[in-house]
């Protein structure tokens, strides 16, 4: 008995509201929350003794929450770090960490 189940994300799209607090003139601390949708593929390889293998594709949605910081280096340039947790209605979840460099116009 056995086999292996693998769930992979194919596409994630979300929309969130972000609110922040300007801790210093150069440091913004923010939180975010919103909706997220994902297209997933699930594969079962089957057991070596002849179990049935299968692949499925399905869409699921859920919520996302997170937060981060932005720090202004000079007038229009900043660096940022952000964490996001997404939880989907099919009992899967994902965590992302993002680092960035930006320019304000």
N, C-alpha and C. Protein backbone atom coordinates (compact mmCIF):
# COMPACT_ATOMS: atom_id res chain seq x y z
N UNK A 1 0.85 -1.17 0.00
CA UNK A 1 0.00 0.00 0.00
C UNK A 1 0.90 1.23 0.00
N UNK A 2 0.42 2.28 -0.55
CA UNK A 2 1.19 3.51 -0.53
C UNK A 2 1.03 4.28 -1.82
N UNK A 3 1.98 5.07 -2.10
CA UNK A 3 1.95 5.96 -3.25
C UNK A 3 2.33 7.35 -2.79
N UNK A 4 2.33 8.25 -3.71
CA UNK A 4 2.71 9.62 -3.38
C UNK A 4 1.71 10.61 -3.98
N UNK A 5 1.26 11.56 -3.15
CA UNK A 5 0.37 12.62 -3.60
C UNK A 5 1.17 13.91 -3.64
N UNK A 6 1.06 14.62 -4.76
CA UNK A 6 1.77 15.89 -4.91
C UNK A 6 0.78 16.95 -5.39
N UNK A 7 0.71 18.10 -4.70
CA UNK A 7 -0.14 19.21 -5.12
C UNK A 7 0.77 20.36 -5.55
N UNK A 8 0.53 20.87 -6.75
CA UNK A 8 1.33 21.98 -7.27
C UNK A 8 0.43 23.13 -7.69
N UNK A 9 0.91 24.31 -7.43
CA UNK A 9 0.19 25.50 -7.85
C UNK A 9 0.55 25.82 -9.29
N UNK A 10 -0.46 26.15 -10.09
CA UNK A 10 -0.22 26.50 -11.49
C UNK A 10 -0.29 28.01 -11.69
N UNK A 11 -1.17 28.68 -10.94
CA UNK A 11 -1.35 30.12 -11.10
C UNK A 11 -2.03 30.65 -9.84
N UNK A 12 -1.52 31.73 -9.29
CA UNK A 12 -2.14 32.36 -8.13
C UNK A 12 -2.41 33.83 -8.44
N UNK A 13 -3.64 34.26 -8.20
CA UNK A 13 -4.04 35.64 -8.44
C UNK A 13 -4.78 36.12 -7.21
N UNK A 14 -4.49 37.33 -6.76
CA UNK A 14 -5.16 37.85 -5.57
C UNK A 14 -5.36 39.35 -5.62
N UNK A 15 -6.21 39.80 -4.73
CA UNK A 15 -6.44 41.23 -4.55
C UNK A 15 -6.50 41.49 -3.05
N UNK A 16 -5.79 42.51 -2.61
CA UNK A 16 -5.71 42.78 -1.17
C UNK A 16 -5.76 44.28 -0.89
N UNK A 17 -6.14 44.59 0.33
CA UNK A 17 -6.11 45.96 0.84
C UNK A 17 -4.90 46.06 1.76
N UNK A 18 -4.16 47.15 1.62
CA UNK A 18 -2.95 47.34 2.42
C UNK A 18 -3.09 48.63 3.21
N UNK A 19 -2.76 48.57 4.51
CA UNK A 19 -2.78 49.74 5.38
C UNK A 19 -1.49 49.77 6.17
N UNK A 20 -0.95 50.99 6.37
CA UNK A 20 0.33 51.07 7.03
C UNK A 20 0.44 52.19 8.03
N UNK A 21 1.54 52.16 8.75
CA UNK A 21 1.87 53.15 9.77
C UNK A 21 3.27 53.66 9.48
N UNK A 22 3.43 54.97 9.36
CA UNK A 22 4.73 55.58 9.11
C UNK A 22 5.44 55.74 10.46
N UNK A 23 6.28 54.76 10.80
CA UNK A 23 6.96 54.73 12.10
C UNK A 23 8.00 55.84 12.22
N UNK A 24 8.72 56.10 11.15
CA UNK A 24 9.65 57.22 11.05
C UNK A 24 9.45 57.81 9.65
N UNK A 25 10.02 58.96 9.36
CA UNK A 25 9.86 59.50 8.00
C UNK A 25 10.38 58.55 6.90
N UNK A 26 11.24 57.60 7.25
CA UNK A 26 11.80 56.68 6.26
C UNK A 26 11.25 55.26 6.35
N UNK A 27 10.53 54.91 7.41
CA UNK A 27 10.11 53.52 7.64
C UNK A 27 8.59 53.39 7.67
N UNK A 28 8.06 52.59 6.74
CA UNK A 28 6.63 52.28 6.69
C UNK A 28 6.44 50.82 7.09
N UNK A 29 5.56 50.59 8.04
CA UNK A 29 5.18 49.23 8.46
C UNK A 29 3.75 49.02 8.01
N UNK A 30 3.46 47.90 7.32
CA UNK A 30 2.11 47.71 6.79
C UNK A 30 1.61 46.29 6.98
N UNK A 31 0.30 46.15 6.94
CA UNK A 31 -0.38 44.87 6.94
C UNK A 31 -1.29 44.81 5.73
N UNK A 32 -1.66 43.62 5.32
CA UNK A 32 -2.55 43.47 4.17
C UNK A 32 -3.45 42.26 4.36
N UNK A 33 -4.61 42.29 3.73
CA UNK A 33 -5.55 41.18 3.78
C UNK A 33 -6.40 41.22 2.52
N UNK A 34 -6.83 40.05 2.04
CA UNK A 34 -7.65 40.04 0.84
C UNK A 34 -8.01 38.65 0.36
N UNK A 35 -8.46 38.60 -0.88
CA UNK A 35 -8.93 37.40 -1.57
C UNK A 35 -7.81 36.83 -2.43
N UNK A 36 -7.77 35.50 -2.57
CA UNK A 36 -6.79 34.86 -3.44
C UNK A 36 -7.44 33.67 -4.15
N UNK A 37 -7.05 33.47 -5.41
CA UNK A 37 -7.54 32.35 -6.22
C UNK A 37 -6.33 31.61 -6.77
N UNK A 38 -6.44 30.28 -6.87
CA UNK A 38 -5.32 29.46 -7.31
C UNK A 38 -5.80 28.34 -8.21
N UNK A 39 -5.02 28.02 -9.22
CA UNK A 39 -5.25 26.86 -10.07
C UNK A 39 -4.22 25.81 -9.66
N UNK A 40 -4.68 24.63 -9.26
CA UNK A 40 -3.77 23.62 -8.73
C UNK A 40 -3.85 22.33 -9.54
N UNK A 41 -2.76 21.57 -9.50
CA UNK A 41 -2.71 20.24 -10.12
C UNK A 41 -2.34 19.25 -9.02
N UNK A 42 -3.11 18.19 -8.89
CA UNK A 42 -2.83 17.15 -7.91
C UNK A 42 -2.50 15.86 -8.66
N UNK A 43 -1.40 15.21 -8.28
CA UNK A 43 -0.96 13.98 -8.91
C UNK A 43 -0.80 12.90 -7.86
N UNK A 44 -1.31 11.69 -8.14
CA UNK A 44 -1.10 10.53 -7.30
C UNK A 44 -0.35 9.51 -8.14
N UNK A 45 0.84 9.10 -7.70
CA UNK A 45 1.67 8.21 -8.50
C UNK A 45 1.26 6.75 -8.39
N UNK A 46 0.50 6.38 -7.36
CA UNK A 46 0.13 4.97 -7.19
C UNK A 46 1.24 4.21 -6.49
N UNK A 47 0.91 3.06 -5.95
CA UNK A 47 1.93 2.29 -5.27
C UNK A 47 2.62 1.34 -6.25
N UNK A 48 3.83 0.87 -5.90
CA UNK A 48 4.57 -0.01 -6.81
C UNK A 48 3.85 -1.33 -7.11
N UNK A 49 2.90 -1.73 -6.27
CA UNK A 49 2.19 -3.01 -6.46
C UNK A 49 1.02 -2.88 -7.43
N UNK A 50 0.95 -1.79 -8.18
CA UNK A 50 -0.09 -1.67 -9.19
C UNK A 50 -1.24 -0.75 -8.84
N UNK A 51 -1.06 0.15 -7.90
CA UNK A 51 -2.11 1.10 -7.55
C UNK A 51 -2.40 2.04 -8.72
N UNK A 52 -3.60 2.56 -8.76
CA UNK A 52 -4.02 3.45 -9.84
C UNK A 52 -3.45 4.85 -9.65
N UNK A 53 -2.85 5.39 -10.70
CA UNK A 53 -2.32 6.75 -10.68
C UNK A 53 -3.34 7.68 -11.32
N UNK A 54 -3.32 8.97 -10.91
CA UNK A 54 -4.23 9.93 -11.53
C UNK A 54 -3.65 11.33 -11.45
N UNK A 55 -4.18 12.22 -12.31
CA UNK A 55 -3.86 13.65 -12.28
C UNK A 55 -5.17 14.41 -12.36
N UNK A 56 -5.28 15.47 -11.57
CA UNK A 56 -6.46 16.33 -11.64
C UNK A 56 -6.00 17.78 -11.65
N UNK A 57 -6.84 18.64 -12.23
CA UNK A 57 -6.62 20.09 -12.18
C UNK A 57 -7.90 20.71 -11.66
N UNK A 58 -7.75 21.67 -10.77
CA UNK A 58 -8.92 22.34 -10.21
C UNK A 58 -8.55 23.74 -9.73
N UNK A 59 -9.55 24.57 -9.60
CA UNK A 59 -9.37 25.92 -9.08
C UNK A 59 -9.90 25.98 -7.65
N UNK A 60 -9.27 26.80 -6.86
CA UNK A 60 -9.72 26.99 -5.49
C UNK A 60 -9.48 28.45 -5.11
N UNK A 61 -10.20 28.92 -4.11
CA UNK A 61 -10.00 30.29 -3.65
C UNK A 61 -9.94 30.31 -2.14
N UNK A 62 -9.63 31.46 -1.59
CA UNK A 62 -9.50 31.59 -0.14
C UNK A 62 -9.12 33.01 0.24
N UNK A 63 -8.34 33.13 1.30
CA UNK A 63 -7.95 34.45 1.79
C UNK A 63 -6.44 34.53 1.91
N UNK A 64 -5.95 35.77 1.93
CA UNK A 64 -4.53 36.01 2.15
C UNK A 64 -4.36 37.10 3.21
N UNK A 65 -3.34 36.96 4.04
CA UNK A 65 -2.97 37.97 5.03
C UNK A 65 -1.45 38.09 5.02
N UNK A 66 -0.97 39.23 5.44
CA UNK A 66 0.47 39.41 5.47
C UNK A 66 0.86 40.78 5.99
N UNK A 67 2.11 41.08 5.84
CA UNK A 67 2.63 42.36 6.29
C UNK A 67 4.05 42.54 5.85
N UNK A 68 4.57 43.73 6.09
CA UNK A 68 5.94 43.99 5.70
C UNK A 68 6.40 45.38 6.07
N UNK A 69 7.55 45.74 5.52
CA UNK A 69 8.15 47.05 5.77
C UNK A 69 8.68 47.61 4.45
N UNK A 70 8.70 48.93 4.38
CA UNK A 70 9.37 49.65 3.30
C UNK A 70 10.27 50.68 3.97
N UNK A 71 11.51 50.77 3.50
CA UNK A 71 12.45 51.72 4.07
C UNK A 71 13.01 52.60 2.95
N UNK A 72 12.81 53.91 3.07
CA UNK A 72 13.30 54.86 2.06
C UNK A 72 14.80 55.06 2.23
N UNK A 73 15.52 54.83 1.14
CA UNK A 73 16.98 55.02 1.16
C UNK A 73 17.33 56.47 0.89
N UNK A 74 16.82 56.99 -0.20
CA UNK A 74 16.95 58.40 -0.57
C UNK A 74 15.60 58.83 -1.09
N UNK A 75 15.49 60.04 -1.58
CA UNK A 75 14.20 60.65 -1.92
C UNK A 75 13.18 59.72 -2.59
N UNK A 76 13.48 59.09 -3.72
CA UNK A 76 12.50 58.29 -4.45
C UNK A 76 12.82 56.79 -4.50
N UNK A 77 13.82 56.33 -3.78
CA UNK A 77 14.20 54.92 -3.82
C UNK A 77 13.97 54.28 -2.46
N UNK A 78 13.48 53.03 -2.47
CA UNK A 78 13.23 52.32 -1.22
C UNK A 78 13.53 50.83 -1.38
N UNK A 79 13.72 50.15 -0.27
CA UNK A 79 13.83 48.69 -0.21
C UNK A 79 12.64 48.20 0.60
N UNK A 80 12.23 46.96 0.34
CA UNK A 80 11.08 46.43 1.05
C UNK A 80 11.24 44.94 1.32
N UNK A 81 10.50 44.47 2.31
CA UNK A 81 10.40 43.04 2.63
C UNK A 81 8.95 42.78 3.02
N UNK A 82 8.41 41.66 2.55
CA UNK A 82 7.00 41.36 2.77
C UNK A 82 6.81 39.86 2.98
N UNK A 83 5.87 39.51 3.85
CA UNK A 83 5.48 38.11 4.09
C UNK A 83 4.00 37.99 3.77
N UNK A 84 3.61 36.88 3.11
CA UNK A 84 2.20 36.65 2.80
C UNK A 84 1.85 35.19 3.07
N UNK A 85 0.71 34.98 3.73
CA UNK A 85 0.16 33.64 3.97
C UNK A 85 -1.16 33.55 3.24
N UNK A 86 -1.34 32.52 2.41
CA UNK A 86 -2.59 32.29 1.68
C UNK A 86 -3.16 30.95 2.10
N UNK A 87 -4.46 30.93 2.43
CA UNK A 87 -5.15 29.71 2.83
C UNK A 87 -6.31 29.49 1.87
N UNK A 88 -6.37 28.29 1.28
CA UNK A 88 -7.37 27.98 0.27
C UNK A 88 -8.44 27.06 0.84
N UNK A 89 -9.63 27.10 0.25
CA UNK A 89 -10.77 26.33 0.75
C UNK A 89 -10.62 24.82 0.59
N UNK A 90 -9.65 24.36 -0.18
CA UNK A 90 -9.43 22.92 -0.31
C UNK A 90 -8.38 22.41 0.69
N UNK A 91 -8.17 23.14 1.76
CA UNK A 91 -7.27 22.77 2.87
C UNK A 91 -5.79 22.77 2.47
N UNK A 92 -5.42 23.61 1.50
CA UNK A 92 -4.02 23.82 1.19
C UNK A 92 -3.68 25.26 1.55
N UNK A 93 -2.40 25.53 1.70
CA UNK A 93 -1.97 26.89 2.03
C UNK A 93 -0.59 27.13 1.43
N UNK A 94 -0.19 28.39 1.41
CA UNK A 94 1.10 28.77 0.87
C UNK A 94 1.64 29.97 1.64
N UNK A 95 2.96 30.00 1.80
CA UNK A 95 3.63 31.13 2.43
C UNK A 95 4.67 31.68 1.45
N UNK A 96 4.72 33.00 1.33
CA UNK A 96 5.68 33.65 0.44
C UNK A 96 6.41 34.75 1.19
N UNK A 97 7.68 34.91 0.85
CA UNK A 97 8.48 36.03 1.34
C UNK A 97 9.02 36.74 0.11
N UNK A 98 8.91 38.06 0.11
CA UNK A 98 9.31 38.87 -1.04
C UNK A 98 10.22 40.00 -0.57
N UNK A 99 11.31 40.20 -1.27
CA UNK A 99 12.19 41.33 -1.03
C UNK A 99 12.22 42.17 -2.30
N UNK A 100 12.33 43.48 -2.16
CA UNK A 100 12.30 44.30 -3.36
C UNK A 100 13.03 45.61 -3.22
N UNK A 101 13.24 46.24 -4.37
CA UNK A 101 13.80 47.57 -4.48
C UNK A 101 12.84 48.34 -5.36
N UNK A 102 12.48 49.57 -4.99
CA UNK A 102 11.48 50.31 -5.75
C UNK A 102 11.85 51.76 -5.99
N UNK A 103 11.13 52.35 -6.94
CA UNK A 103 11.27 53.75 -7.28
C UNK A 103 9.89 54.37 -7.21
N UNK A 104 9.76 55.50 -6.51
CA UNK A 104 8.49 56.24 -6.46
C UNK A 104 8.54 57.34 -7.49
N UNK A 105 7.46 57.52 -8.22
CA UNK A 105 7.37 58.57 -9.25
C UNK A 105 6.66 59.78 -8.73
